[in-house]
N, C-alpha and C. Protein backbone atom coordinates (compact mmCIF):
# COMPACT_ATOMS: atom_id res chain seq x y z
N MET A 1 55.90 79.06 165.14
CA MET A 1 54.92 78.19 165.82
C MET A 1 55.31 76.61 164.85
N SER A 2 55.21 75.96 164.95
CA SER A 2 55.40 74.52 164.49
C SER A 2 54.21 74.13 163.62
N ASP A 3 53.73 73.44 162.58
CA ASP A 3 53.56 72.87 161.47
C ASP A 3 51.53 72.39 162.25
N THR A 4 52.35 71.68 163.55
CA THR A 4 50.55 71.23 164.28
C THR A 4 50.86 72.00 165.18
N LEU A 5 48.60 72.39 165.30
CA LEU A 5 48.67 73.45 165.80
C LEU A 5 48.02 72.19 167.69
N PRO A 6 47.92 73.06 168.73
CA PRO A 6 47.91 71.86 169.72
C PRO A 6 46.06 72.43 170.06
N PRO A 7 45.73 70.97 170.22
CA PRO A 7 44.67 70.41 170.36
C PRO A 7 43.94 71.47 171.30
N CYS A 8 42.65 71.79 171.28
CA CYS A 8 41.57 72.73 172.53
C CYS A 8 41.68 71.73 173.98
N PRO A 9 42.36 73.41 174.54
CA PRO A 9 42.62 72.82 176.30
C PRO A 9 41.40 71.98 176.89
N GLN A 10 39.68 73.33 176.17
CA GLN A 10 38.44 72.39 176.78
C GLN A 10 38.37 70.83 175.91
N CYS A 11 38.15 71.05 174.78
CA CYS A 11 37.06 70.24 174.44
C CYS A 11 38.06 68.81 173.86
N GLN A 12 39.00 69.37 174.04
CA GLN A 12 40.29 68.96 172.68
C GLN A 12 40.01 68.49 171.72
N GLY A 13 39.42 69.06 170.78
CA GLY A 13 39.26 69.35 169.57
C GLY A 13 40.42 69.36 168.61
N GLU A 14 40.88 68.84 167.33
CA GLU A 14 41.84 68.62 167.29
C GLU A 14 41.99 70.17 165.55
N TYR A 15 40.95 70.75 165.53
CA TYR A 15 40.72 71.42 164.19
C TYR A 15 40.99 72.60 164.70
N THR A 16 41.84 73.56 165.29
CA THR A 16 42.13 74.34 166.18
C THR A 16 43.01 75.31 164.62
N TYR A 17 42.77 76.68 164.99
CA TYR A 17 43.53 77.35 164.12
C TYR A 17 44.04 78.59 164.72
N GLU A 18 45.00 79.79 164.03
CA GLU A 18 44.86 81.19 164.55
C GLU A 18 44.12 81.82 163.85
N MET A 19 43.83 82.96 164.97
CA MET A 19 42.94 84.27 164.60
C MET A 19 44.16 85.27 164.92
N ASP A 20 44.75 85.73 164.49
CA ASP A 20 45.66 87.37 164.97
C ASP A 20 46.62 86.02 166.35
N ALA A 21 46.17 86.87 167.50
CA ALA A 21 47.39 86.28 168.62
C ALA A 21 46.26 85.30 168.78
N LEU A 22 45.41 84.82 169.44
CA LEU A 22 44.70 83.90 169.74
C LEU A 22 44.88 82.72 169.04
N MET A 23 44.12 81.01 169.89
CA MET A 23 44.37 80.23 169.04
C MET A 23 42.11 79.89 169.30
N VAL A 24 42.04 79.31 168.17
CA VAL A 24 40.14 79.28 168.69
C VAL A 24 39.92 77.78 168.45
N CYS A 25 38.93 76.81 168.83
CA CYS A 25 38.23 75.68 168.37
C CYS A 25 36.86 76.16 167.82
N PRO A 26 36.82 75.61 166.79
CA PRO A 26 35.45 75.69 166.04
C PRO A 26 34.41 74.86 166.44
N SER A 27 35.05 74.23 167.30
CA SER A 27 33.80 73.23 167.36
C SER A 27 32.91 73.59 169.16
N CYS A 28 34.30 73.86 169.74
CA CYS A 28 33.22 74.75 171.54
C CYS A 28 33.24 76.38 171.09
N GLY A 29 34.53 76.65 169.81
CA GLY A 29 34.05 78.24 170.48
C GLY A 29 35.12 78.58 171.17
N HIS A 30 35.49 77.42 172.07
CA HIS A 30 37.05 78.29 172.82
C HIS A 30 37.97 79.13 172.51
N GLU A 31 38.32 80.40 172.92
CA GLU A 31 39.48 80.92 172.83
C GLU A 31 40.72 81.24 173.60
N TRP A 32 41.95 81.14 173.07
CA TRP A 32 43.13 80.98 174.22
C TRP A 32 44.19 81.60 173.55
N ALA A 33 44.81 82.09 174.38
CA ALA A 33 46.21 82.56 174.31
C ALA A 33 47.63 81.00 174.04
N PRO A 34 47.87 80.89 172.91
CA PRO A 34 49.22 80.05 173.23
C PRO A 34 50.43 79.92 173.84
N THR A 35 50.77 79.58 174.93
CA THR A 35 51.97 79.78 175.49
C THR A 35 53.18 78.79 175.49
N GLU A 36 54.42 79.12 175.25
CA GLU A 36 55.47 78.96 175.22
C GLU A 36 54.79 76.62 175.53
N GLY A 37 54.91 76.75 176.93
CA GLY A 37 54.63 75.37 176.84
C GLY A 37 53.60 74.17 176.18
N GLY A 38 52.86 75.19 175.34
CA GLY A 38 51.61 74.16 174.49
C GLY A 38 50.80 74.90 174.90
N SER A 39 49.79 73.81 175.80
CA SER A 39 48.41 74.41 176.07
C SER A 39 48.99 75.24 177.03
N ALA A 40 47.77 76.56 177.26
CA ALA A 40 47.66 77.29 178.14
C ALA A 40 46.16 77.30 179.19
N ALA A 41 45.76 75.62 179.39
CA ALA A 41 44.98 75.55 179.70
C ALA A 41 44.88 75.80 181.69
N GLY A 42 44.56 76.57 182.28
CA GLY A 42 45.48 76.84 184.08
C GLY A 42 46.15 77.79 183.79
N ALA A 43 47.16 78.75 182.95
CA ALA A 43 48.18 79.08 182.87
C ALA A 43 47.96 80.98 183.18
N GLY A 44 47.99 81.27 184.27
CA GLY A 44 47.47 82.33 184.88
C GLY A 44 46.41 82.99 184.80
N GLU A 45 45.19 82.34 184.36
CA GLU A 45 43.95 82.55 183.94
C GLU A 45 43.37 83.32 185.10
N LYS A 46 42.87 84.54 184.80
CA LYS A 46 42.26 85.21 185.56
C LYS A 46 40.70 85.27 186.47
N VAL A 47 41.01 84.84 187.47
CA VAL A 47 39.90 84.61 188.26
C VAL A 47 38.83 85.59 188.72
N VAL A 48 37.03 85.31 187.83
CA VAL A 48 36.27 86.15 187.57
C VAL A 48 35.25 85.91 188.83
N LYS A 49 34.82 87.28 190.38
CA LYS A 49 34.10 86.59 190.48
C LYS A 49 32.66 87.23 190.76
N ASP A 50 31.61 86.87 191.30
CA ASP A 50 30.33 87.38 191.48
C ASP A 50 30.51 88.72 192.11
N ALA A 51 28.97 89.15 191.93
CA ALA A 51 28.33 90.23 193.53
C ALA A 51 28.84 90.09 194.99
N VAL A 52 28.85 88.45 195.36
CA VAL A 52 28.45 87.35 196.47
C VAL A 52 29.92 87.03 196.06
N GLY A 53 30.96 86.35 195.74
CA GLY A 53 32.55 85.80 195.82
C GLY A 53 32.15 84.69 194.66
N ASN A 54 31.21 84.23 194.78
CA ASN A 54 31.47 82.97 193.71
C ASN A 54 32.17 83.16 193.12
N VAL A 55 33.30 81.93 192.15
CA VAL A 55 33.54 82.21 190.78
C VAL A 55 32.62 81.60 189.88
N LEU A 56 32.93 82.78 188.75
CA LEU A 56 32.32 82.15 187.65
C LEU A 56 33.33 81.36 186.66
N ASN A 57 32.53 80.54 185.92
CA ASN A 57 33.01 80.32 184.75
C ASN A 57 32.35 80.25 183.13
N ASP A 58 32.54 79.60 181.99
CA ASP A 58 32.51 79.98 180.79
C ASP A 58 31.33 79.53 181.07
N GLY A 59 30.24 79.09 180.27
CA GLY A 59 29.09 78.31 180.78
C GLY A 59 28.43 78.78 181.16
N ASP A 60 28.12 79.35 182.67
CA ASP A 60 27.03 79.34 183.50
C ASP A 60 26.15 80.57 183.37
N SER A 61 24.84 80.23 184.57
CA SER A 61 23.85 81.61 184.34
C SER A 61 24.18 81.80 185.35
N VAL A 62 24.09 82.90 185.08
CA VAL A 62 24.05 84.50 186.84
C VAL A 62 22.71 84.66 186.38
N THR A 63 22.34 85.57 186.87
CA THR A 63 20.58 86.89 187.54
C THR A 63 21.49 87.87 188.00
N VAL A 64 20.98 88.98 186.91
CA VAL A 64 20.96 90.76 187.50
C VAL A 64 20.40 90.52 188.58
N ILE A 65 21.38 90.93 189.59
CA ILE A 65 20.76 91.90 191.40
C ILE A 65 20.28 93.23 191.08
N LYS A 66 20.86 94.02 190.10
CA LYS A 66 19.94 94.99 190.08
C LYS A 66 19.65 95.78 189.20
N ALA A 67 18.76 96.33 188.77
CA ALA A 67 18.20 97.25 187.29
C ALA A 67 19.30 97.71 186.74
N LEU A 68 19.81 97.80 185.19
CA LEU A 68 21.12 98.45 184.68
C LEU A 68 19.50 99.42 183.29
N LYS A 69 20.47 100.57 183.53
CA LYS A 69 19.49 101.48 182.48
C LYS A 69 20.83 100.84 180.80
N VAL A 70 20.00 100.67 179.92
CA VAL A 70 20.53 100.40 178.69
C VAL A 70 21.09 101.32 177.87
N LYS A 71 21.79 101.96 177.29
CA LYS A 71 21.91 103.16 176.54
C LYS A 71 20.95 102.41 174.62
N GLY A 72 20.14 103.80 174.48
CA GLY A 72 19.44 103.25 173.09
C GLY A 72 18.27 102.35 173.48
N SER A 73 17.77 102.38 174.76
CA SER A 73 16.57 101.32 175.13
C SER A 73 15.49 102.23 175.88
N THR A 74 14.08 101.97 175.69
CA THR A 74 13.61 102.81 176.78
C THR A 74 13.39 102.25 178.08
N SER A 75 13.63 101.42 177.86
CA SER A 75 13.76 99.97 179.25
C SER A 75 15.16 99.85 179.59
N GLY A 76 15.90 98.96 180.17
CA GLY A 76 16.31 98.77 181.06
C GLY A 76 16.29 97.14 181.65
N ILE A 77 17.55 96.62 181.79
CA ILE A 77 16.97 94.77 182.27
C ILE A 77 16.78 95.08 183.89
N LYS A 78 15.83 94.40 183.93
CA LYS A 78 15.43 94.66 185.42
C LYS A 78 15.81 93.26 185.92
N ALA A 79 16.26 93.96 187.68
CA ALA A 79 16.69 93.02 188.35
C ALA A 79 16.02 91.98 188.38
N GLY A 80 16.68 90.39 188.59
CA GLY A 80 16.38 89.05 188.83
C GLY A 80 16.36 88.80 187.26
N THR A 81 16.56 89.13 186.00
CA THR A 81 16.80 89.05 184.57
C THR A 81 17.71 87.85 184.60
N LYS A 82 17.28 86.22 184.26
CA LYS A 82 18.51 85.48 184.12
C LYS A 82 19.05 85.58 183.04
N VAL A 83 20.50 85.34 182.99
CA VAL A 83 21.11 84.95 182.21
C VAL A 83 21.93 83.55 181.57
N ARG A 84 21.70 82.94 180.73
CA ARG A 84 22.32 82.11 180.59
C ARG A 84 23.64 82.04 179.65
N ASN A 85 24.27 80.99 180.06
CA ASN A 85 25.71 80.46 178.89
C ASN A 85 26.13 82.16 178.80
N ILE A 86 27.13 82.73 180.03
CA ILE A 86 27.87 83.72 179.71
C ILE A 86 29.68 83.28 179.63
N ARG A 87 30.35 84.49 178.51
CA ARG A 87 31.23 83.79 178.21
C ARG A 87 31.97 85.03 179.16
N LEU A 88 32.93 84.06 179.83
CA LEU A 88 34.11 85.60 180.52
C LEU A 88 35.25 85.51 179.57
N ILE A 89 35.54 87.43 179.61
CA ILE A 89 35.94 88.49 178.28
C ILE A 89 37.06 88.93 179.34
N ASP A 90 38.35 89.95 178.78
CA ASP A 90 39.02 91.39 179.08
C ASP A 90 38.51 91.99 179.08
N GLY A 91 37.43 92.27 178.91
CA GLY A 91 36.70 93.87 178.58
C GLY A 91 37.12 94.53 178.87
N VAL A 92 36.32 95.62 178.48
CA VAL A 92 36.93 97.40 178.25
C VAL A 92 36.10 98.04 180.08
N ASP A 93 36.80 98.44 180.31
CA ASP A 93 36.14 99.12 181.56
C ASP A 93 35.54 98.63 182.51
N GLY A 94 36.17 97.55 182.79
CA GLY A 94 35.27 96.28 183.77
C GLY A 94 34.72 95.64 183.81
N HIS A 95 33.86 95.37 182.21
CA HIS A 95 33.00 95.03 181.60
C HIS A 95 33.65 92.92 181.15
N ASP A 96 33.42 92.45 182.38
CA ASP A 96 33.79 90.85 181.96
C ASP A 96 33.57 89.89 181.77
N ILE A 97 32.24 89.61 181.33
CA ILE A 97 30.94 88.88 180.68
C ILE A 97 30.55 89.31 179.41
N ASP A 98 30.25 88.23 178.62
CA ASP A 98 30.15 88.56 177.23
C ASP A 98 28.73 88.38 177.03
N CYS A 99 27.41 88.53 176.81
CA CYS A 99 26.43 87.31 176.71
C CYS A 99 25.59 88.04 176.60
N ARG A 100 23.86 87.14 176.22
CA ARG A 100 23.19 87.43 175.01
C ARG A 100 21.99 87.70 176.11
N VAL A 101 21.52 88.79 176.49
CA VAL A 101 20.07 88.73 176.84
C VAL A 101 18.81 89.18 176.48
N GLU A 102 17.68 88.36 176.90
CA GLU A 102 16.12 88.29 176.59
C GLU A 102 16.23 89.24 176.57
N GLY A 103 16.03 89.83 175.32
CA GLY A 103 15.41 91.06 175.29
C GLY A 103 16.02 92.51 174.53
N PHE A 104 17.22 91.98 174.30
CA PHE A 104 18.30 93.04 174.78
C PHE A 104 18.89 92.44 173.54
N GLY A 105 19.34 91.22 173.64
CA GLY A 105 20.93 91.21 172.45
C GLY A 105 22.14 90.65 173.15
N ALA A 106 23.02 90.60 172.17
CA ALA A 106 24.35 90.61 172.82
C ALA A 106 24.96 91.84 173.27
N MET A 107 25.72 91.99 174.69
CA MET A 107 26.33 92.94 175.40
C MET A 107 27.12 92.15 176.15
N GLN A 108 27.81 93.17 176.92
CA GLN A 108 28.50 93.20 177.77
C GLN A 108 28.61 93.26 179.48
N LEU A 109 28.59 92.70 180.75
CA LEU A 109 28.16 92.74 181.54
C LEU A 109 29.34 92.77 182.55
N LYS A 110 29.28 93.76 184.15
CA LYS A 110 30.09 93.63 184.83
C LYS A 110 29.78 92.35 185.92
N SER A 111 30.79 91.84 186.38
CA SER A 111 30.09 90.99 187.14
C SER A 111 30.16 91.48 188.26
N SER A 112 30.02 92.86 188.99
CA SER A 112 29.97 93.26 190.45
C SER A 112 28.19 93.35 190.28
N VAL A 113 27.45 93.06 188.84
CA VAL A 113 26.06 94.01 188.94
C VAL A 113 25.20 92.16 188.60
N VAL A 114 26.20 90.84 189.20
CA VAL A 114 25.36 89.46 188.74
C VAL A 114 25.57 88.57 189.94
N LYS A 115 24.48 87.63 189.89
CA LYS A 115 25.11 86.70 191.27
C LYS A 115 24.74 85.32 190.52
N LYS A 116 25.70 84.19 190.59
CA LYS A 116 25.62 83.02 190.19
C LYS A 116 24.41 82.22 190.32
N ALA A 117 23.67 82.15 188.96
CA ALA A 117 22.09 81.18 189.64
C ALA A 117 22.57 80.12 189.67
C-alpha cells in the first residue's frame, strides 16, 4: 500500500489507519475493506433488510418485533424494544446487526427480528 492512506468514505476524515485487513476512521468509527481502486464506498456492499423488507443502514433505529431470550439473563428482550444507532456487520450465524440494547448492553441481533423505526 502507498504512504498515503485514503480518506474515510463516510465522513471524508483524513486520519484513517490500518487495522489488520480493514481501514478504520477514528472520527466516525467507520470500518471498511480497502479495494484496488481506492475508495470502497458502494463497492459490492451487502444489502441488509429488516423483517418487512426495509433496507437498513448504519445508524438507523430499529424496533424488536418478537420477544427474544437472552442467554444468562432471567428476562429477555421484549417485543417493541427500540434500539438506536445500529451498526451493520458480517456476523456469525446470521447475526448482522451490532447494537447496544438498553438494560442488556452490547449484543448482535438478526435483521429478521427487527423492523426499521
